[in-house]
């Protein structure tokens, strides 16, 4: 059995966190043992991991507060678990993985890069420069998008091996649901003749809510029977900056700010059109894939791998272009419910054929098996010696 420790920055609701939860929930437990370690206190996605019966630990490091004790906690966990592979997710986890690999005698290190040109703080930019210079240390770097790989190559990443593993989607869970659609719309006082356009995105500059609102204001002058629903962390009336942008659009009661939702499928199926208006920084968008799996036509800005993901089943427009975004929505409104259903069926079929969750899990399992396989008798002996050393009392280790 291969033991893998997954180290991740945190477990709030997000694409990387969701993919990790799905991966460890479905990994073959006869062949792999998974342990998840969150650098910060566990967030919303921790519940899904624990429900799956996966071992979950936390270093309890507060965001923005350096705490050297967290490094010792991680080393202690690694010495206890003794994994063949340390799989790190996101930049801060990649950095910690570098620091502990030798002291904890980890045979194999794998990084997971999840974004492209995301806007970062000066501290994060400095961290990424360090990581680029050390990018040959891990056995492999996993990317979930071509855009992410190209971007990291441009900034100096030179790994021994790139491995592209796109996100996967559970089409049995993510599917059209007329009853859930009726329920959501009834609770939200939205009749079935209203075209509902949704934006599933946390509040962050890269998601560009300002362009979304500007496009919505343009569309409203041409298609008055339209409403908008937004979900995601920070997407709430109490967010003053967001409320100000919404007020400036003049849309008033046509916009619903719904905050975070555990039941994203229940949100998608209520929509007529799903949208991502990101200005930059996307890799492989989870929310677009989820919406497509639910049978929705999508409009997205050309960020990351959106064009490759949507293909002919959606519409791609330039970033930061409200006129183009509004025009794309208008086209989908004009083709009517039947036209949108036809596009949605194409979108769902595209996900089922190309981005099924089990195929993604199988890609990870294959990579882990290959990396952990002994390359030679000497290699196998070195791993055994490392584990024997860890089992000795501290005073016998030299």
Protein backbone atom coordinates (compact mmCIF):
# COMPACT_ATOMS: atom_id res chain seq x y z
CA UNK A 1 0.00 0.00 0.00
CA UNK A 2 1.22 3.50 -0.88
CA UNK A 3 0.79 6.15 1.81
CA UNK A 4 0.26 9.71 0.60
CA UNK A 5 0.12 12.83 2.74
CA UNK A 6 -1.77 15.68 1.06
CA UNK A 7 -0.60 19.01 2.46
CA UNK A 8 -2.81 21.98 1.57
CA UNK A 9 -2.85 25.64 2.59
CA UNK A 10 -6.41 25.46 3.93
CA UNK A 11 -9.76 23.79 3.42
CA UNK A 12 -12.10 26.67 2.66
CA UNK A 13 -14.48 26.32 -0.28
CA UNK A 14 -12.42 26.55 -3.48
CA UNK A 15 -11.47 24.63 -6.58
CA UNK A 16 -8.28 23.03 -5.24
CA UNK A 17 -9.91 22.16 -1.93
CA UNK A 18 -12.93 20.61 -3.65
CA UNK A 19 -10.74 18.57 -5.99
CA UNK A 20 -8.66 17.30 -3.06
CA UNK A 21 -11.78 16.27 -1.13
CA UNK A 22 -13.14 14.39 -4.13
CA UNK A 23 -9.78 12.74 -4.82
CA UNK A 24 -9.19 11.36 -1.33
CA UNK A 25 -12.84 10.29 -1.05
CA UNK A 26 -12.56 8.13 -4.18
CA UNK A 27 -8.96 6.89 -4.11
CA UNK A 28 -8.75 3.07 -3.99
CA UNK A 29 -8.23 2.30 -0.30
CA UNK A 30 -6.93 -1.17 -1.00
CA UNK A 31 -3.94 0.42 -2.76
CA UNK A 32 -3.56 3.86 -1.19
CA UNK A 33 -3.72 5.36 2.28
CA UNK A 34 -4.52 9.09 2.24
CA UNK A 35 -3.83 11.56 5.04
CA UNK A 36 -4.81 15.22 4.62
CA UNK A 37 -2.95 17.95 6.52
CA UNK A 38 -4.31 21.51 6.49
CA UNK A 39 -1.81 24.26 7.25
CA UNK A 40 -4.52 26.56 8.63
CA UNK A 41 -7.56 25.60 10.69
CA UNK A 42 -9.85 23.34 8.61
CA UNK A 43 -12.66 25.11 6.74
CA UNK A 44 -15.86 24.04 4.99
CA UNK A 45 -14.32 21.29 2.86
CA UNK A 46 -13.04 19.50 5.96
CA UNK A 47 -16.54 18.09 6.52
CA UNK A 48 -16.53 16.26 3.17
CA UNK A 49 -13.10 14.79 3.91
CA UNK A 50 -14.09 13.60 7.38
CA UNK A 51 -17.41 12.19 6.12
CA UNK A 52 -15.39 10.06 3.72
CA UNK A 53 -13.47 8.61 6.68
CA UNK A 54 -10.14 10.12 5.60
CA UNK A 55 -7.54 10.94 8.26
CA UNK A 56 -7.47 14.76 8.61
CA UNK A 57 -4.91 16.74 10.61
CA UNK A 58 -4.29 20.48 11.09
CA UNK A 59 -1.15 22.48 11.79
CA UNK A 60 -3.40 25.26 13.16
CA UNK A 61 -1.29 28.06 11.70
CA UNK A 62 -3.19 31.35 11.51
CA UNK A 63 -3.15 33.02 8.11
CA UNK A 64 -0.60 35.82 7.91
CA UNK A 65 1.01 34.87 11.24
CA UNK A 66 4.39 33.08 10.88
CA UNK A 67 4.57 30.18 13.31
CA UNK A 68 7.72 27.98 13.26
CA UNK A 69 5.95 25.51 15.52
CA UNK A 70 3.79 24.54 12.56
CA UNK A 71 6.86 23.20 10.77
CA UNK A 72 7.69 20.98 13.74
CA UNK A 73 4.08 19.76 13.90
CA UNK A 74 4.27 18.84 10.23
CA UNK A 75 7.58 17.02 10.68
CA UNK A 76 6.10 15.11 13.62
CA UNK A 77 3.07 14.05 11.55
CA UNK A 78 5.29 12.94 8.68
CA UNK A 79 7.52 10.90 10.98
CA UNK A 80 4.43 9.24 12.42
CA UNK A 81 2.70 8.54 9.09
CA UNK A 82 5.90 7.82 7.07
CA UNK A 83 4.43 8.45 3.62
CA UNK A 84 6.02 7.36 0.37
CA UNK A 85 4.71 10.56 -1.23
CA UNK A 86 4.13 14.06 0.09
CA UNK A 87 1.66 15.76 -2.28
CA UNK A 88 1.45 19.52 -1.72
CA UNK A 89 -1.35 21.78 -2.95
CA UNK A 90 -0.86 25.54 -3.55
CA UNK A 91 2.22 27.71 -3.05
CA UNK A 92 2.51 27.83 0.75
CA UNK A 93 2.17 24.07 1.00
CA UNK A 94 4.73 23.63 -1.80
CA UNK A 95 7.17 25.74 0.21
CA UNK A 96 6.61 23.78 3.42
CA UNK A 97 7.09 20.59 1.45
CA UNK A 98 10.51 21.82 0.36
CA UNK A 99 11.49 22.57 3.95
CA UNK A 100 10.49 19.21 5.42
CA UNK A 101 11.41 16.80 2.62
CA UNK A 102 14.95 16.04 3.82
CA UNK A 103 14.52 16.34 7.61
CA UNK A 104 11.44 14.10 7.51
CA UNK A 105 13.10 11.71 5.03
CA UNK A 106 10.26 11.86 2.51
CA UNK A 107 11.12 9.64 -0.48
CA UNK A 108 8.98 11.54 -2.99
CA UNK A 109 7.59 15.06 -3.26
CA UNK A 110 4.90 16.17 -5.74
CA UNK A 111 3.65 19.74 -6.13
CA UNK A 112 0.19 20.68 -7.38
CA UNK A 113 -0.15 24.04 -9.19
CA UNK A 114 -3.73 25.19 -9.55
CA UNK A 115 -3.79 28.65 -11.15
CA UNK A 116 -2.25 30.73 -13.92
CA UNK A 117 -1.40 34.44 -13.52
CA UNK A 118 -3.30 35.03 -10.29
CA UNK A 119 -2.79 38.40 -8.63
CA UNK A 120 -0.68 37.88 -5.51
CA UNK A 121 0.61 39.93 -2.60
CA UNK A 122 4.31 40.96 -2.59
CA UNK A 123 5.01 38.21 -0.05
CA UNK A 124 3.36 35.59 -2.24
CA UNK A 125 5.23 36.83 -5.31
CA UNK A 126 8.52 36.46 -3.43
CA UNK A 127 7.49 32.97 -2.36
CA UNK A 128 6.71 32.04 -5.96
CA UNK A 129 10.17 33.23 -7.05
CA UNK A 130 11.74 30.93 -4.47
CA UNK A 131 9.59 28.04 -5.65
CA UNK A 132 10.52 28.62 -9.29
CA UNK A 133 14.22 28.32 -8.39
CA UNK A 134 13.56 25.08 -6.49
CA UNK A 135 11.12 23.59 -9.00
CA UNK A 136 13.48 20.75 -9.94
CA UNK A 137 13.30 19.34 -6.39
CA UNK A 138 9.89 17.60 -6.60
CA UNK A 139 9.56 14.38 -8.57
CA UNK A 140 6.74 15.99 -10.57
CA UNK A 141 4.58 19.10 -10.72
CA UNK A 142 0.90 18.52 -11.44
CA UNK A 143 -1.05 21.21 -13.28
CA UNK A 144 -4.76 21.16 -13.99
CA UNK A 145 -4.55 23.42 -17.06
CA UNK A 146 -2.36 24.18 -20.04
CA UNK A 147 -2.58 27.87 -19.13
CA UNK A 148 -1.18 27.16 -15.68
CA UNK A 149 1.75 25.21 -17.11
CA UNK A 150 2.57 27.89 -19.69
CA UNK A 151 2.46 30.62 -17.08
CA UNK A 152 4.71 28.82 -14.62
CA UNK A 153 7.18 28.00 -17.37
CA UNK A 154 7.31 31.72 -18.22
CA UNK A 155 8.19 32.64 -14.64
CA UNK A 156 10.99 30.09 -14.43
CA UNK A 157 9.55 26.77 -13.29
CA UNK A 158 11.77 23.97 -14.64
CA UNK A 159 10.56 20.71 -13.09
CA UNK A 160 11.86 17.26 -13.82
CA UNK A 161 8.38 16.39 -15.01
CA UNK A 162 5.11 18.17 -15.76
CA UNK A 163 1.92 16.16 -15.38
CA UNK A 164 -1.35 17.65 -16.60
CA UNK A 165 -4.39 16.26 -14.77
CA UNK A 166 -7.57 18.25 -15.46
CA UNK A 167 -10.29 18.55 -12.85
CA UNK A 168 -12.92 15.84 -12.91
CA UNK A 169 -16.66 16.03 -12.27
CA UNK A 170 -19.15 13.56 -10.82
CA UNK A 171 -21.93 13.57 -13.40
CA UNK A 172 -24.12 11.37 -11.19
CA UNK A 173 -24.25 14.13 -8.56
CA UNK A 174 -24.08 17.09 -10.95
CA UNK A 175 -27.10 16.70 -13.21
CA UNK A 176 -30.25 18.56 -14.30
CA UNK A 177 -32.90 18.49 -11.57
CA UNK A 178 -36.28 20.09 -12.45
CA UNK A 179 -37.62 19.73 -8.90
CA UNK A 180 -34.57 21.44 -7.34
CA UNK A 181 -34.89 24.17 -9.97
CA UNK A 182 -38.52 24.82 -9.06
CA UNK A 183 -37.70 24.81 -5.35
CA UNK A 184 -34.85 27.35 -5.66
CA UNK A 185 -36.88 29.67 -7.87
CA UNK A 186 -39.95 29.50 -5.64
CA UNK A 187 -37.90 30.41 -2.55
CA UNK A 188 -36.22 33.24 -4.48
CA UNK A 189 -39.51 34.51 -5.99
CA UNK A 190 -38.27 33.99 -9.56
CA UNK A 191 -40.87 32.80 -12.05
CA UNK A 192 -40.01 30.37 -14.82
CA UNK A 193 -40.33 33.06 -17.51
CA UNK A 194 -37.43 35.02 -16.02
CA UNK A 195 -33.98 34.34 -17.46
CA UNK A 196 -31.69 33.76 -14.48
CA UNK A 197 -27.96 34.34 -15.03
CA UNK A 198 -25.59 33.14 -12.32
CA UNK A 199 -22.03 33.96 -11.29
CA UNK A 200 -20.47 31.33 -8.97
CA UNK A 201 -17.29 33.10 -7.80
CA UNK A 202 -15.79 34.26 -4.52
CA UNK A 203 -15.25 38.00 -4.07
CA UNK A 204 -11.74 38.64 -5.39
CA UNK A 205 -10.25 41.07 -7.95
CA UNK A 206 -9.49 38.22 -10.37
CA UNK A 207 -13.21 37.33 -10.53
CA UNK A 208 -14.01 40.88 -11.75
CA UNK A 209 -17.50 41.40 -10.35
CA UNK A 210 -17.38 44.97 -11.67
CA UNK A 211 -17.41 43.73 -15.28
CA UNK A 212 -20.26 41.37 -14.44
CA UNK A 213 -22.37 44.21 -13.03
CA UNK A 214 -21.54 46.51 -15.94
CA UNK A 215 -22.58 43.81 -18.43
CA UNK A 216 -25.74 43.11 -16.43
CA UNK A 217 -26.71 46.80 -16.60
CA UNK A 218 -26.24 46.77 -20.39
CA UNK A 219 -28.27 43.58 -20.79
CA UNK A 220 -31.11 44.85 -18.62
CA UNK A 221 -31.83 47.67 -21.11
CA UNK A 222 -32.32 45.09 -23.90
CA UNK A 223 -33.85 42.16 -22.02
CA UNK A 224 -35.85 43.46 -19.07
CA UNK A 225 -37.12 40.02 -17.99
CA UNK A 226 -33.77 38.94 -16.57
CA UNK A 227 -32.37 38.46 -13.06
CA UNK A 228 -28.93 37.70 -11.65
CA UNK A 229 -27.78 35.47 -8.79
CA UNK A 230 -24.27 35.45 -7.32
CA UNK A 231 -22.77 32.94 -4.90
CA UNK A 232 -19.35 32.61 -3.30
CA UNK A 233 -17.28 33.63 -0.30
CA UNK A 234 -17.71 37.34 0.41
CA UNK A 235 -20.62 37.70 -2.02
CA UNK A 236 -23.03 39.11 0.54
CA UNK A 237 -24.93 42.38 1.12
CA UNK A 238 -22.59 43.10 4.05
CA UNK A 239 -19.66 43.39 1.61
CA UNK A 240 -19.57 47.17 1.20
CA UNK A 241 -17.37 47.24 -1.89
CA UNK A 242 -19.57 44.71 -3.65
CA UNK A 243 -22.77 46.45 -2.58
CA UNK A 244 -21.37 49.73 -3.92
CA UNK A 245 -20.58 48.16 -7.31
CA UNK A 246 -24.05 46.65 -7.44
CA UNK A 247 -25.70 49.97 -6.57
CA UNK A 248 -23.69 51.74 -9.27
CA UNK A 249 -25.09 49.31 -11.84
CA UNK A 250 -28.64 50.44 -11.03
CA UNK A 251 -29.94 46.86 -11.04
CA UNK A 252 -31.53 47.01 -7.61
CA UNK A 253 -33.73 44.02 -6.84
CA UNK A 254 -32.70 42.14 -9.97
CA UNK A 255 -29.51 40.94 -8.23
CA UNK A 256 -29.37 38.38 -5.43
CA UNK A 257 -26.19 38.07 -3.35
CA UNK A 258 -26.35 34.60 -1.79
CA UNK A 259 -22.95 34.11 -0.14
CA UNK A 260 -21.40 30.65 0.19
CA UNK A 261 -23.48 27.54 -0.52
CA UNK A 262 -22.78 23.93 0.33
CA UNK A 263 -25.30 22.76 -2.27
CA UNK A 264 -23.82 24.19 -5.47
CA UNK A 265 -25.74 21.73 -7.65
CA UNK A 266 -28.99 23.20 -6.29
CA UNK A 267 -27.79 26.62 -7.43
CA UNK A 268 -26.68 25.59 -10.91
CA UNK A 269 -29.89 23.80 -11.85
CA UNK A 270 -31.95 26.93 -11.07
CA UNK A 271 -30.02 28.99 -13.65
CA UNK A 272 -30.60 29.48 -17.35
CA UNK A 273 -27.04 30.67 -18.04
CA UNK A 274 -23.87 30.28 -15.95
CA UNK A 275 -21.07 32.82 -16.24
CA UNK A 276 -17.48 33.37 -15.19
CA UNK A 277 -16.26 36.94 -15.71
CA UNK A 278 -12.66 36.53 -14.50
CA UNK A 279 -10.14 39.16 -15.58
CA UNK A 280 -7.09 36.93 -15.03
CA UNK A 281 -5.71 34.06 -13.02
CA UNK A 282 -7.95 31.14 -13.94
CA UNK A 283 -6.47 27.72 -14.58
CA UNK A 284 -9.09 25.03 -15.11
CA UNK A 285 -12.38 26.34 -13.74
CA UNK A 286 -14.27 23.98 -11.47
CA UNK A 287 -17.44 26.06 -11.54
CA UNK A 288 -17.68 26.01 -15.33
CA UNK A 289 -17.26 22.23 -15.38
CA UNK A 290 -19.86 21.80 -12.63
CA UNK A 291 -22.36 24.04 -14.42
CA UNK A 292 -21.81 22.17 -17.69
CA UNK A 293 -22.35 18.84 -15.94
CA UNK A 294 -25.68 20.23 -14.70
CA UNK A 295 -26.69 20.84 -18.31
CA UNK A 296 -26.16 24.61 -18.45
CA UNK A 297 -24.94 26.74 -21.35
CA UNK A 298 -22.04 28.88 -20.13
CA UNK A 299 -20.47 32.22 -21.01
CA UNK A 300 -16.92 32.79 -19.79
CA UNK A 301 -14.09 35.23 -20.30
CA UNK A 302 -10.99 33.96 -22.05
CA UNK A 303 -8.94 33.21 -18.94
CA UNK A 304 -7.09 29.97 -18.31
CA UNK A 305 -8.43 26.95 -20.17
CA UNK A 306 -12.02 28.23 -20.44
CA UNK A 307 -12.10 28.03 -24.25
CA UNK A 308 -10.79 24.45 -24.24
CA UNK A 309 -13.24 23.39 -21.54
CA UNK A 310 -16.34 24.96 -23.10
CA UNK A 311 -15.60 24.09 -26.72
CA UNK A 312 -18.64 24.54 -28.99
CA UNK A 313 -21.02 24.08 -26.04
CA UNK A 314 -20.42 27.60 -24.66
CA UNK A 315 -19.38 31.14 -25.49
CA UNK A 316 -16.01 32.76 -24.72
CA UNK A 317 -15.54 36.55 -24.65
CA UNK A 318 -12.53 38.81 -23.95
CA UNK A 319 -11.85 39.70 -20.29
CA UNK A 320 -12.87 43.14 -18.97
CA UNK A 321 -15.31 43.68 -21.86
CA UNK A 322 -18.85 44.28 -20.52
CA UNK A 323 -20.27 44.89 -24.01
CA UNK A 324 -19.03 41.51 -25.26
CA UNK A 325 -20.28 39.73 -22.14
CA UNK A 326 -23.73 41.33 -22.42
CA UNK A 327 -23.89 40.48 -26.15
CA UNK A 328 -23.08 36.81 -25.42
CA UNK A 329 -25.85 36.65 -22.84
CA UNK A 330 -28.24 38.29 -25.30
CA UNK A 331 -27.46 35.64 -27.94
CA UNK A 332 -28.29 32.86 -25.50
CA UNK A 333 -31.50 34.59 -24.47
CA UNK A 334 -32.55 34.96 -28.11
CA UNK A 335 -32.19 31.24 -28.89
CA UNK A 336 -34.88 30.57 -26.28
CA UNK A 337 -35.31 27.81 -23.68
CA UNK A 338 -35.11 24.97 -26.23
CA UNK A 339 -31.91 26.34 -27.75
CA UNK A 340 -30.34 26.71 -24.31
CA UNK A 341 -31.39 23.19 -23.34
CA UNK A 342 -29.76 21.86 -26.51
CA UNK A 343 -26.50 23.67 -25.69
CA UNK A 344 -26.73 22.43 -22.11
CA UNK A 345 -27.05 18.83 -23.29
CA UNK A 346 -23.93 19.30 -25.43
CA UNK A 347 -22.11 20.75 -22.42
CA UNK A 348 -23.06 17.83 -20.15
CA UNK A 349 -22.02 15.29 -22.79
CA UNK A 350 -18.68 17.08 -23.20
CA UNK A 351 -18.00 16.78 -19.47
CA UNK A 352 -19.06 13.12 -19.37
CA UNK A 353 -16.79 12.21 -22.28
CA UNK A 354 -13.72 14.24 -21.39
CA UNK A 355 -13.73 15.21 -17.71
CA UNK A 356 -15.30 12.42 -15.66
CA UNK A 357 -14.22 12.34 -12.02
CA UNK A 358 -13.23 8.68 -11.97
CA UNK A 359 -10.89 9.18 -14.93
CA UNK A 360 -9.20 12.05 -13.06
CA UNK A 361 -8.81 9.93 -9.92
CA UNK A 362 -7.32 7.14 -12.04
CA UNK A 363 -4.76 9.60 -13.46
CA UNK A 364 -3.65 10.55 -9.94
CA UNK A 365 -3.48 6.91 -8.87
CA UNK A 366 -1.41 6.00 -11.91
CA UNK A 367 1.02 8.85 -11.26
CA UNK A 368 1.40 7.95 -7.57
CA UNK A 369 1.99 4.29 -8.43
CA UNK A 370 4.64 5.19 -10.99
CA UNK A 371 6.44 7.65 -8.71
CA UNK A 372 6.45 5.30 -5.70
CA UNK A 373 7.63 2.28 -7.71
CA UNK A 374 11.20 1.24 -6.79
CA UNK A 375 13.55 2.34 -9.54
CA UNK A 376 16.23 -0.13 -8.50
CA UNK A 377 17.12 -2.45 -5.58
CA UNK A 378 19.33 0.33 -4.21
CA UNK A 379 16.41 2.78 -4.34
CA UNK A 380 14.13 0.40 -2.46
CA UNK A 381 16.86 -0.22 0.14
CA UNK A 382 17.32 3.54 0.71
CA UNK A 383 13.62 3.96 1.49
CA UNK A 384 13.68 1.01 3.89
CA UNK A 385 16.74 2.40 5.68
CA UNK A 386 15.07 5.81 6.01
CA UNK A 387 11.99 4.24 7.62
CA UNK A 388 14.08 2.08 9.97
CA UNK A 389 16.00 5.18 11.05
CA UNK A 390 12.76 6.99 11.84
CA UNK A 391 11.62 4.09 14.03
CA UNK A 392 14.72 4.29 16.26
CA UNK A 393 14.87 6.37 19.44
CA UNK A 394 16.16 9.89 18.79
CA UNK A 395 19.46 9.30 20.64
CA UNK A 396 20.36 6.45 18.23
CA UNK A 397 19.86 8.57 15.06
CA UNK A 398 23.11 9.87 13.55
